[in-house]
């Protein structure tokens, strides 16, 4: 299945941005892992209900939304998962002290 919109989250992750902003750290490798996950629609709704935008919704609103989605989604939902594994090391371009530790540069 090809997404119908560009997924800009894939360009750089928040973790890569944080590592890039920290002069004490340098990224040594990035590995991407992709996986599929099929869930029964009831399990999918239970998962959605744990996220803020659904958890804070009024119970009747959430129930109507899930009921409508259930008619469209059918019995099962297929999710495409992504995991990004970043390996970092102390930076070789900076010698700084943080929290009492000096990292060589």
PDB file of N, CA and C in Angstrom:
ATOM      1  N   UNK A   1       0.844  -1.174   0.000  1.00  0.00           N
ATOM      2  CA  UNK A   1       0.000   0.000   0.000  1.00  0.00           C
ATOM      3  C   UNK A   1       0.891   1.239   0.000  1.00  0.00           C
ATOM      4  N   UNK A   2       0.612   2.152  -0.877  1.00  0.00           N
ATOM      5  CA  UNK A   2       1.377   3.381  -0.988  1.00  0.00           C
ATOM      6  C   UNK A   2       0.611   4.498  -0.275  1.00  0.00           C
ATOM      7  N   UNK A   3       1.261   5.216   0.655  1.00  0.00           N
ATOM      8  CA  UNK A   3       0.565   6.311   1.344  1.00  0.00           C
ATOM      9  C   UNK A   3       0.099   7.363   0.349  1.00  0.00           C
ATOM     10  N   UNK A   4      -1.046   7.980   0.625  1.00  0.00           N
ATOM     11  CA  UNK A   4      -1.564   9.005  -0.280  1.00  0.00           C
ATOM     12  C   UNK A   4      -1.048  10.404   0.067  1.00  0.00           C
ATOM     13  N   UNK A   5      -0.256  10.507   1.132  1.00  0.00           N
ATOM     14  CA  UNK A   5       0.366  11.780   1.490  1.00  0.00           C
ATOM     15  C   UNK A   5       1.836  11.521   1.820  1.00  0.00           C
ATOM     16  N   UNK A   6       2.656  12.549   1.652  1.00  0.00           N
ATOM     17  CA  UNK A   6       4.064  12.425   2.025  1.00  0.00           C
ATOM     18  C   UNK A   6       4.185  12.343   3.529  1.00  0.00           C
ATOM     19  N   UNK A   7       5.058  11.482   3.995  1.00  0.00           N
ATOM     20  CA  UNK A   7       5.286  11.326   5.428  1.00  0.00           C
ATOM     21  C   UNK A   7       6.600  12.007   5.770  1.00  0.00           C
ATOM     22  N   UNK A   8       6.528  13.284   6.132  1.00  0.00           N
ATOM     23  CA  UNK A   8       7.729  14.059   6.404  1.00  0.00           C
ATOM     24  C   UNK A   8       8.441  13.602   7.671  1.00  0.00           C
ATOM     25  N   UNK A   9       7.761  12.805   8.530  1.00  0.00           N
ATOM     26  CA  UNK A   9       8.404  12.306   9.740  1.00  0.00           C
ATOM     27  C   UNK A   9       9.575  11.401   9.390  1.00  0.00           C
ATOM     28  N   UNK A  10       9.584  10.859   8.185  1.00  0.00           N
ATOM     29  CA  UNK A  10      10.640   9.933   7.789  1.00  0.00           C
ATOM     30  C   UNK A  10      11.940  10.633   7.402  1.00  0.00           C
ATOM     31  N   UNK A  11      11.890  11.924   7.165  1.00  0.00           N
ATOM     32  CA  UNK A  11      13.087  12.619   6.711  1.00  0.00           C
ATOM     33  C   UNK A  11      14.167  12.612   7.789  1.00  0.00           C
ATOM     34  N   UNK A  12      13.858  13.091   8.954  1.00  0.00           N
ATOM     35  CA  UNK A  12      14.741  12.972  10.118  1.00  0.00           C
ATOM     36  C   UNK A  12      13.860  12.748  11.331  1.00  0.00           C
ATOM     37  N   UNK A  13      14.370  11.980  12.261  1.00  0.00           N
ATOM     38  CA  UNK A  13      13.597  11.724  13.473  1.00  0.00           C
ATOM     39  C   UNK A  13      13.928  12.785  14.517  1.00  0.00           C
ATOM     40  N   UNK A  14      13.072  12.899  15.516  1.00  0.00           N
ATOM     41  CA  UNK A  14      13.350  13.831  16.605  1.00  0.00           C
ATOM     42  C   UNK A  14      14.659  13.450  17.282  1.00  0.00           C
ATOM     43  N   UNK A  15      14.954  12.147  17.369  1.00  0.00           N
ATOM     44  CA  UNK A  15      16.194  11.706  18.020  1.00  0.00           C
ATOM     45  C   UNK A  15      17.415  12.168  17.223  1.00  0.00           C
ATOM     46  N   UNK A  16      17.348  12.070  15.901  1.00  0.00           N
ATOM     47  CA  UNK A  16      18.461  12.547  15.077  1.00  0.00           C
ATOM     48  C   UNK A  16      18.654  14.048  15.248  1.00  0.00           C
ATOM     49  N   UNK A  17      17.554  14.779  15.339  1.00  0.00           N
ATOM     50  CA  UNK A  17      17.641  16.223  15.560  1.00  0.00           C
ATOM     51  C   UNK A  17      18.282  16.531  16.910  1.00  0.00           C
ATOM     52  N   UNK A  18      17.904  15.782  17.952  1.00  0.00           N
ATOM     53  CA  UNK A  18      18.478  15.983  19.282  1.00  0.00           C
ATOM     54  C   UNK A  18      19.973  15.662  19.293  1.00  0.00           C
ATOM     55  N   UNK A  19      20.356  14.581  18.655  1.00  0.00           N
ATOM     56  CA  UNK A  19      21.775  14.211  18.587  1.00  0.00           C
ATOM     57  C   UNK A  19      22.556  15.282  17.832  1.00  0.00           C
ATOM     58  N   UNK A  20      21.979  15.761  16.733  1.00  0.00           N
ATOM     59  CA  UNK A  20      22.644  16.805  15.951  1.00  0.00           C
ATOM     60  C   UNK A  20      22.812  18.107  16.711  1.00  0.00           C
ATOM     61  N   UNK A  21      21.919  18.376  17.653  1.00  0.00           N
ATOM     62  CA  UNK A  21      21.979  19.614  18.436  1.00  0.00           C
ATOM     63  C   UNK A  21      22.903  19.493  19.644  1.00  0.00           C
ATOM     64  N   UNK A  22      23.370  18.312  19.947  1.00  0.00           N
ATOM     65  CA  UNK A  22      24.213  18.089  21.124  1.00  0.00           C
ATOM     66  C   UNK A  22      25.675  17.961  20.696  1.00  0.00           C
ATOM     67  N   UNK A  23      26.504  18.965  20.994  1.00  0.00           N
ATOM     68  CA  UNK A  23      27.899  18.937  20.558  1.00  0.00           C
ATOM     69  C   UNK A  23      28.716  17.799  21.179  1.00  0.00           C
ATOM     70  N   UNK A  24      28.241  17.217  22.264  1.00  0.00           N
ATOM     71  CA  UNK A  24      29.000  16.134  22.895  1.00  0.00           C
ATOM     72  C   UNK A  24      28.791  14.793  22.200  1.00  0.00           C
ATOM     73  N   UNK A  25      27.800  14.708  21.319  1.00  0.00           N
ATOM     74  CA  UNK A  25      27.475  13.436  20.687  1.00  0.00           C
ATOM     75  C   UNK A  25      27.658  13.485  19.182  1.00  0.00           C
ATOM     76  N   UNK A  26      28.040  12.344  18.627  1.00  0.00           N
ATOM     77  CA  UNK A  26      28.105  12.175  17.185  1.00  0.00           C
ATOM     78  C   UNK A  26      27.416  10.878  16.817  1.00  0.00           C
ATOM     79  N   UNK A  27      26.688  10.886  15.720  1.00  0.00           N
ATOM     80  CA  UNK A  27      25.989   9.681  15.281  1.00  0.00           C
ATOM     81  C   UNK A  27      26.954   8.801  14.489  1.00  0.00           C
ATOM     82  N   UNK A  28      26.975   7.524  14.814  1.00  0.00           N
ATOM     83  CA  UNK A  28      27.858   6.615  14.088  1.00  0.00           C
ATOM     84  C   UNK A  28      27.108   5.747  13.093  1.00  0.00           C
ATOM     85  N   UNK A  29      25.846   5.454  13.357  1.00  0.00           N
ATOM     86  CA  UNK A  29      25.072   4.665  12.393  1.00  0.00           C
ATOM     87  C   UNK A  29      23.585   4.836  12.647  1.00  0.00           C
ATOM     88  N   UNK A  30      22.835   4.609  11.598  1.00  0.00           N
ATOM     89  CA  UNK A  30      21.379   4.632  11.679  1.00  0.00           C
ATOM     90  C   UNK A  30      20.867   3.424  10.902  1.00  0.00           C
ATOM     91  N   UNK A  31      20.085   2.595  11.559  1.00  0.00           N
ATOM     92  CA  UNK A  31      19.499   1.423  10.913  1.00  0.00           C
ATOM     93  C   UNK A  31      17.982   1.548  10.963  1.00  0.00           C
ATOM     94  N   UNK A  32      17.358   1.308   9.832  1.00  0.00           N
ATOM     95  CA  UNK A  32      15.906   1.395   9.729  1.00  0.00           C
ATOM     96  C   UNK A  32      15.333  -0.012   9.622  1.00  0.00           C
ATOM     97  N   UNK A  33      14.295  -0.270  10.390  1.00  0.00           N
ATOM     98  CA  UNK A  33      13.608  -1.559  10.368  1.00  0.00           C
ATOM     99  C   UNK A  33      12.127  -1.299  10.107  1.00  0.00           C
ATOM    100  N   UNK A  34      11.593  -2.026   9.163  1.00  0.00           N
ATOM    101  CA  UNK A  34      10.191  -1.880   8.789  1.00  0.00           C
ATOM    102  C   UNK A  34       9.466  -3.187   9.083  1.00  0.00           C
ATOM    103  N   UNK A  35       8.240  -3.091   9.597  1.00  0.00           N
ATOM    104  CA  UNK A  35       7.496  -4.291   9.958  1.00  0.00           C
ATOM    105  C   UNK A  35       6.006  -4.018   9.818  1.00  0.00           C
ATOM    106  N   UNK A  36       5.277  -5.072   9.536  1.00  0.00           N
ATOM    107  CA  UNK A  36       3.828  -4.996   9.420  1.00  0.00           C
ATOM    108  C   UNK A  36       3.188  -5.580  10.670  1.00  0.00           C
ATOM    109  N   UNK A  37       2.046  -5.030  11.029  1.00  0.00           N
ATOM    110  CA  UNK A  37       1.335  -5.479  12.215  1.00  0.00           C
ATOM    111  C   UNK A  37      -0.148  -5.475  11.891  1.00  0.00           C
ATOM    112  N   UNK A  38      -0.766  -6.622  11.978  1.00  0.00           N
ATOM    113  CA  UNK A  38      -2.203  -6.729  11.733  1.00  0.00           C
ATOM    114  C   UNK A  38      -2.920  -6.858  13.075  1.00  0.00           C
ATOM    115  N   UNK A  39      -3.937  -6.028  13.265  1.00  0.00           N
ATOM    116  CA  UNK A  39      -4.706  -6.024  14.506  1.00  0.00           C
ATOM    117  C   UNK A  39      -6.191  -6.186  14.192  1.00  0.00           C
ATOM    118  N   UNK A  40      -6.886  -6.905  15.058  1.00  0.00           N
ATOM    119  CA  UNK A  40      -8.347  -6.889  14.976  1.00  0.00           C
ATOM    120  C   UNK A  40      -8.788  -5.457  15.236  1.00  0.00           C
ATOM    121  N   UNK A  41      -9.850  -5.035  14.611  1.00  0.00           N
ATOM    122  CA  UNK A  41     -10.275  -3.646  14.718  1.00  0.00           C
ATOM    123  C   UNK A  41     -10.562  -3.256  16.173  1.00  0.00           C
ATOM    124  N   UNK A  42     -11.103  -4.158  16.978  1.00  0.00           N
ATOM    125  CA  UNK A  42     -11.348  -3.840  18.394  1.00  0.00           C
ATOM    126  C   UNK A  42     -10.040  -3.584  19.145  1.00  0.00           C
ATOM    127  N   UNK A  43      -9.003  -4.359  18.826  1.00  0.00           N
ATOM    128  CA  UNK A  43      -7.693  -4.142  19.445  1.00  0.00           C
ATOM    129  C   UNK A  43      -7.081  -2.826  18.975  1.00  0.00           C
ATOM    130  N   UNK A  44      -7.308  -2.498  17.718  1.00  0.00           N
ATOM    131  CA  UNK A  44      -6.813  -1.225  17.179  1.00  0.00           C
ATOM    132  C   UNK A  44      -7.479  -0.049  17.902  1.00  0.00           C
ATOM    133  N   UNK A  45      -8.784  -0.138  18.113  1.00  0.00           N
ATOM    134  CA  UNK A  45      -9.478   0.933  18.822  1.00  0.00           C
ATOM    135  C   UNK A  45      -9.005   1.030  20.270  1.00  0.00           C
ATOM    136  N   UNK A  46      -8.723  -0.104  20.888  1.00  0.00           N
ATOM    137  CA  UNK A  46      -8.194  -0.087  22.259  1.00  0.00           C
ATOM    138  C   UNK A  46      -6.832   0.604  22.282  1.00  0.00           C
ATOM    139  N   UNK A  47      -6.025   0.376  21.264  1.00  0.00           N
ATOM    140  CA  UNK A  47      -4.728   1.044  21.154  1.00  0.00           C
ATOM    141  C   UNK A  47      -4.917   2.546  20.943  1.00  0.00           C
ATOM    142  N   UNK A  48      -5.793   2.917  20.031  1.00  0.00           N
ATOM    143  CA  UNK A  48      -6.054   4.342  19.789  1.00  0.00           C
ATOM    144  C   UNK A  48      -6.535   5.038  21.051  1.00  0.00           C
ATOM    145  N   UNK A  49      -7.352   4.366  21.842  1.00  0.00           N
ATOM    146  CA  UNK A  49      -7.930   4.967  23.047  1.00  0.00           C
ATOM    147  C   UNK A  49      -6.867   5.307  24.093  1.00  0.00           C
ATOM    148  N   UNK A  50      -5.650   4.797  23.939  1.00  0.00           N
ATOM    149  CA  UNK A  50      -4.572   5.118  24.879  1.00  0.00           C
ATOM    150  C   UNK A  50      -3.847   6.399  24.497  1.00  0.00           C
ATOM    151  N   UNK A  51      -4.106   6.931  23.304  1.00  0.00           N
ATOM    152  CA  UNK A  51      -3.434   8.165  22.882  1.00  0.00           C
ATOM    153  C   UNK A  51      -4.290   9.365  23.287  1.00  0.00           C
ATOM    154  N   UNK A  52      -3.638  10.473  23.529  1.00  0.00           N
ATOM    155  CA  UNK A  52      -4.295  11.645  24.120  1.00  0.00           C
ATOM    156  C   UNK A  52      -5.518  12.118  23.359  1.00  0.00           C
ATOM    157  N   UNK A  53      -5.418  12.240  22.049  1.00  0.00           N
ATOM    158  CA  UNK A  53      -6.533  12.830  21.304  1.00  0.00           C
ATOM    159  C   UNK A  53      -7.813  12.001  21.419  1.00  0.00           C
ATOM    160  N   UNK A  54      -7.688  10.711  21.656  1.00  0.00           N
ATOM    161  CA  UNK A  54      -8.873   9.866  21.841  1.00  0.00           C
ATOM    162  C   UNK A  54      -9.211   9.719  23.326  1.00  0.00           C
ATOM    163  N   UNK A  55      -8.205   9.652  24.173  1.00  0.00           N
ATOM    164  CA  UNK A  55      -8.441   9.473  25.615  1.00  0.00           C
ATOM    165  C   UNK A  55      -9.187  10.660  26.220  1.00  0.00           C
ATOM    166  N   UNK A  56      -8.941  11.865  25.724  1.00  0.00           N
ATOM    167  CA  UNK A  56      -9.594  13.049  26.289  1.00  0.00           C
ATOM    168  C   UNK A  56     -10.945  13.325  25.659  1.00  0.00           C
ATOM    169  N   UNK A  57     -11.270  12.632  24.589  1.00  0.00           N
ATOM    170  CA  UNK A  57     -12.580  12.825  23.948  1.00  0.00           C
ATOM    171  C   UNK A  57     -13.676  12.289  24.859  1.00  0.00           C
ATOM    172  N   UNK A  58     -14.820  12.925  24.791  1.00  0.00           N
ATOM    173  CA  UNK A  58     -15.969  12.450  25.560  1.00  0.00           C
ATOM    174  C   UNK A  58     -16.291  11.014  25.142  1.00  0.00           C
ATOM    175  N   UNK A  59     -16.622  10.164  26.094  1.00  0.00           N
ATOM    176  CA  UNK A  59     -16.872   8.753  25.770  1.00  0.00           C
ATOM    177  C   UNK A  59     -17.887   8.544  24.645  1.00  0.00           C
ATOM    178  N   UNK A  60     -18.951   9.348  24.600  1.00  0.00           N
ATOM    179  CA  UNK A  60     -19.948   9.173  23.537  1.00  0.00           C
ATOM    180  C   UNK A  60     -19.387   9.578  22.181  1.00  0.00           C
ATOM    181  N   UNK A  61     -18.561  10.619  22.149  1.00  0.00           N
ATOM    182  CA  UNK A  61     -17.923  11.045  20.899  1.00  0.00           C
ATOM    183  C   UNK A  61     -16.964   9.964  20.410  1.00  0.00           C
ATOM    184  N   UNK A  62     -16.154   9.445  21.319  1.00  0.00           N
ATOM    185  CA  UNK A  62     -15.201   8.386  20.973  1.00  0.00           C
ATOM    186  C   UNK A  62     -15.933   7.142  20.467  1.00  0.00           C
ATOM    187  N   UNK A  63     -17.011   6.773  21.131  1.00  0.00           N
ATOM    188  CA  UNK A  63     -17.782   5.590  20.727  1.00  0.00           C
ATOM    189  C   UNK A  63     -18.366   5.771  19.328  1.00  0.00           C
ATOM    190  N   UNK A  64     -18.926   6.955  19.035  1.00  0.00           N
ATOM    191  CA  UNK A  64     -19.481   7.212  17.693  1.00  0.00           C
ATOM    192  C   UNK A  64     -18.383   7.187  16.635  1.00  0.00           C
ATOM    193  N   UNK A  65     -17.223   7.764  16.963  1.00  0.00           N
ATOM    194  CA  UNK A  65     -16.104   7.763  16.023  1.00  0.00           C
ATOM    195  C   UNK A  65     -15.655   6.335  15.727  1.00  0.00           C
ATOM    196  N   UNK A  66     -15.447   5.548  16.756  1.00  0.00           N
ATOM    197  CA  UNK A  66     -14.992   4.175  16.567  1.00  0.00           C
ATOM    198  C   UNK A  66     -16.038   3.335  15.841  1.00  0.00           C
ATOM    199  N   UNK A  67     -17.304   3.596  16.114  1.00  0.00           N
ATOM    200  CA  UNK A  67     -18.369   2.867  15.413  1.00  0.00           C
ATOM    201  C   UNK A  67     -18.323   3.168  13.912  1.00  0.00           C
ATOM    202  N   UNK A  68     -18.194   4.451  13.579  1.00  0.00           N
ATOM    203  CA  UNK A  68     -18.102   4.838  12.163  1.00  0.00           C
ATOM    204  C   UNK A  68     -16.858   4.289  11.495  1.00  0.00           C
ATOM    205  N   UNK A  69     -15.726   4.375  12.196  1.00  0.00           N
ATOM    206  CA  UNK A  69     -14.487   3.822  11.645  1.00  0.00           C
ATOM    207  C   UNK A  69     -14.578   2.310  11.463  1.00  0.00           C
ATOM    208  N   UNK A  70     -15.226   1.642  12.393  1.00  0.00           N
ATOM    209  CA  UNK A  70     -15.376   0.198  12.309  1.00  0.00           C
ATOM    210  C   UNK A  70     -16.103  -0.225  11.047  1.00  0.00           C
ATOM    211  N   UNK A  71     -17.102   0.545  10.643  1.00  0.00           N
ATOM    212  CA  UNK A  71     -17.837   0.231   9.407  1.00  0.00           C
ATOM    213  C   UNK A  71     -16.931   0.373   8.186  1.00  0.00           C
ATOM    214  N   UNK A  72     -16.011   1.322   8.222  1.00  0.00           N
ATOM    215  CA  UNK A  72     -15.123   1.560   7.082  1.00  0.00           C
ATOM    216  C   UNK A  72     -13.932   0.606   7.079  1.00  0.00           C
ATOM    217  N   UNK A  73     -13.379   0.341   8.261  1.00  0.00           N
ATOM    218  CA  UNK A  73     -12.142  -0.441   8.346  1.00  0.00           C
ATOM    219  C   UNK A  73     -12.358  -1.940   8.195  1.00  0.00           C
ATOM    220  N   UNK A  74     -13.487  -2.446   8.585  1.00  0.00           N
ATOM    221  CA  UNK A  74     -13.716  -3.887   8.526  1.00  0.00           C
ATOM    222  C   UNK A  74     -13.210  -4.572   9.781  1.00  0.00           C
ATOM    223  N   UNK A  75     -12.878  -5.856   9.641  1.00  0.00           N
ATOM    224  CA  UNK A  75     -12.532  -6.677  10.805  1.00  0.00           C
ATOM    225  C   UNK A  75     -11.090  -6.525  11.257  1.00  0.00           C
ATOM    226  N   UNK A  76     -10.208  -6.074  10.360  1.00  0.00           N
ATOM    227  CA  UNK A  76      -8.778  -6.048  10.688  1.00  0.00           C
ATOM    228  C   UNK A  76      -8.134  -4.779  10.142  1.00  0.00           C
ATOM    229  N   UNK A  77      -7.125  -4.295  10.866  1.00  0.00           N
ATOM    230  CA  UNK A  77      -6.361  -3.115  10.459  1.00  0.00           C
ATOM    231  C   UNK A  77      -4.908  -3.539  10.294  1.00  0.00           C
ATOM    232  N   UNK A  78      -4.308  -3.125   9.203  1.00  0.00           N
ATOM    233  CA  UNK A  78      -2.893  -3.427   8.959  1.00  0.00           C
ATOM    234  C   UNK A  78      -2.084  -2.151   9.145  1.00  0.00           C
ATOM    235  N   UNK A  79      -1.110  -2.201  10.040  1.00  0.00           N
ATOM    236  CA  UNK A  79      -0.253  -1.051  10.320  1.00  0.00           C
ATOM    237  C   UNK A  79       1.136  -1.315   9.770  1.00  0.00           C
ATOM    238  N   UNK A  80       1.754  -0.282   9.266  1.00  0.00           N
ATOM    239  CA  UNK A  80       3.134  -0.373   8.806  1.00  0.00           C
ATOM    240  C   UNK A  80       4.004   0.316   9.844  1.00  0.00           C
ATOM    241  N   UNK A  81       4.828  -0.465  10.522  1.00  0.00           N
ATOM    242  CA  UNK A  81       5.662   0.081  11.582  1.00  0.00           C
ATOM    243  C   UNK A  81       7.065   0.379  11.110  1.00  0.00           C
ATOM    244  N   UNK A  82       7.694   1.320  11.787  1.00  0.00           N
ATOM    245  CA  UNK A  82       9.080   1.672  11.518  1.00  0.00           C
ATOM    246  C   UNK A  82       9.816   1.815  12.832  1.00  0.00           C
ATOM    247  N   UNK A  83      11.003   1.270  12.878  1.00  0.00           N
ATOM    248  CA  UNK A  83      11.869   1.453  14.034  1.00  0.00           C
ATOM    249  C   UNK A  83      13.192   1.992  13.526  1.00  0.00           C
ATOM    250  N   UNK A  84      13.714   2.995  14.188  1.00  0.00           N
ATOM    251  CA  UNK A  84      15.005   3.578  13.845  1.00  0.00           C
ATOM    252  C   UNK A  84      15.953   3.332  15.001  1.00  0.00           C
ATOM    253  N   UNK A  85      17.040   2.637  14.723  1.00  0.00           N
ATOM    254  CA  UNK A  85      18.070   2.376  15.727  1.00  0.00           C
ATOM    255  C   UNK A  85      19.258   3.289  15.434  1.00  0.00           C
ATOM    256  N   UNK A  86      19.554   4.186  16.369  1.00  0.00           N
ATOM    257  CA  UNK A  86      20.685   5.106  16.230  1.00  0.00           C
ATOM    258  C   UNK A  86      21.785   4.700  17.187  1.00  0.00           C
ATOM    259  N   UNK A  87      22.996   4.681  16.689  1.00  0.00           N
ATOM    260  CA  UNK A  87      24.159   4.438  17.528  1.00  0.00           C
ATOM    261  C   UNK A  87      24.926   5.752  17.619  1.00  0.00           C
ATOM    262  N   UNK A  88      25.257   6.156  18.839  1.00  0.00           N
ATOM    263  CA  UNK A  88      25.964   7.417  19.033  1.00  0.00           C
ATOM    264  C   UNK A  88      27.271   7.178  19.770  1.00  0.00           C
ATOM    265  N   UNK A  89      28.138   8.145  19.679  1.00  0.00           N
ATOM    266  CA  UNK A  89      29.439   8.093  20.341  1.00  0.00           C
ATOM    267  C   UNK A  89      29.775   9.509  20.791  1.00  0.00           C
ATOM    268  N   UNK A  90      30.731   9.617  21.684  1.00  0.00           N
ATOM    269  CA  UNK A  90      31.190  10.970  22.029  1.00  0.00           C
ATOM    270  C   UNK A  90      31.732  11.663  20.783  1.00  0.00           C
ATOM    271  N   UNK A  91      31.465  12.928  20.659  1.00  0.00           N
ATOM    272  CA  UNK A  91      31.922  13.698  19.513  1.00  0.00           C
ATOM    273  C   UNK A  91      33.440  13.803  19.508  1.00  0.00           C
ATOM    274  N   UNK A  92      34.015  13.794  18.326  1.00  0.00           N
ATOM    275  CA  UNK A  92      35.465  13.967  18.197  1.00  0.00           C
ATOM    276  C   UNK A  92      35.822  15.414  17.895  1.00  0.00           C
ATOM    277  N   UNK A  93      34.826  16.276  17.760  1.00  0.00           N
ATOM    278  CA  UNK A  93      35.106  17.666  17.406  1.00  0.00           C
ATOM    279  C   UNK A  93      34.975  18.630  18.570  1.00  0.00           C
ATOM    280  N   UNK A  94      34.615  18.125  19.738  1.00  0.00           N
ATOM    281  CA  UNK A  94      34.383  19.025  20.854  1.00  0.00           C
ATOM    282  C   UNK A  94      34.814  18.372  22.162  1.00  0.00           C
ATOM    283  N   UNK A  95      35.494  19.146  22.986  1.00  0.00           N
ATOM    284  CA  UNK A  95      35.786  18.703  24.347  1.00  0.00           C
ATOM    285  C   UNK A  95      35.026  19.633  25.268  1.00  0.00           C
ATOM    286  N   UNK A  96      34.056  19.085  25.951  1.00  0.00           N
ATOM    287  CA  UNK A  96      33.251  19.877  26.868  1.00  0.00           C
ATOM    288  C   UNK A  96      32.977  19.059  28.101  1.00  0.00           C
ATOM    289  N   UNK A  97      32.615  19.738  29.148  1.00  0.00           N
ATOM    290  CA  UNK A  97      32.263  19.066  30.392  1.00  0.00           C
ATOM    291  C   UNK A  97      30.776  19.243  30.626  1.00  0.00           C
ATOM    292  N   UNK A  98      30.140  18.158  30.966  1.00  0.00           N
ATOM    293  CA  UNK A  98      28.728  18.207  31.323  1.00  0.00           C
ATOM    294  C   UNK A  98      28.506  17.251  32.478  1.00  0.00           C
ATOM    295  N   UNK A  99      27.832  17.746  33.498  1.00  0.00           N
ATOM    296  CA  UNK A  99      27.480  16.930  34.668  1.00  0.00           C
ATOM    297  C   UNK A  99      28.713  16.238  35.242  1.00  0.00           C
ATOM    298  N   UNK A 100      29.835  16.942  35.271  1.00  0.00           N
ATOM    299  CA  UNK A 100      31.033  16.404  35.901  1.00  0.00           C
ATOM    300  C   UNK A 100      31.814  15.424  35.066  1.00  0.00           C
ATOM    301  N   UNK A 101      31.437  15.218  33.811  1.00  0.00           N
ATOM    302  CA  UNK A 101      32.148  14.272  32.951  1.00  0.00           C
ATOM    303  C   UNK A 101      32.769  15.018  31.792  1.00  0.00           C
ATOM    304  N   UNK A 102      34.050  14.813  31.567  1.00  0.00           N
ATOM    305  CA  UNK A 102      34.701  15.408  30.409  1.00  0.00           C
ATOM    306  C   UNK A 102      34.767  14.359  29.313  1.00  0.00           C
ATOM    307  N   UNK A 103      34.276  14.717  28.141  1.00  0.00           N
ATOM    308  CA  UNK A 103      34.322  13.821  26.993  1.00  0.00           C
ATOM    309  C   UNK A 103      35.442  14.273  26.083  1.00  0.00           C
ATOM    310  N   UNK A 104      36.290  13.364  25.689  1.00  0.00           N
ATOM    311  CA  UNK A 104      37.409  13.763  24.820  1.00  0.00           C
ATOM    312  C   UNK A 104      36.935  14.235  23.468  1.00  0.00           C
ATOM    313  N   UNK A 105      37.710  15.110  22.878  1.00  0.00           N
ATOM    314  CA  UNK A 105      37.329  15.607  21.569  1.00  0.00           C
ATOM    315  C   UNK A 105      38.409  15.452  20.565  1.00  0.00           C
TER     316      UNK A 105
END
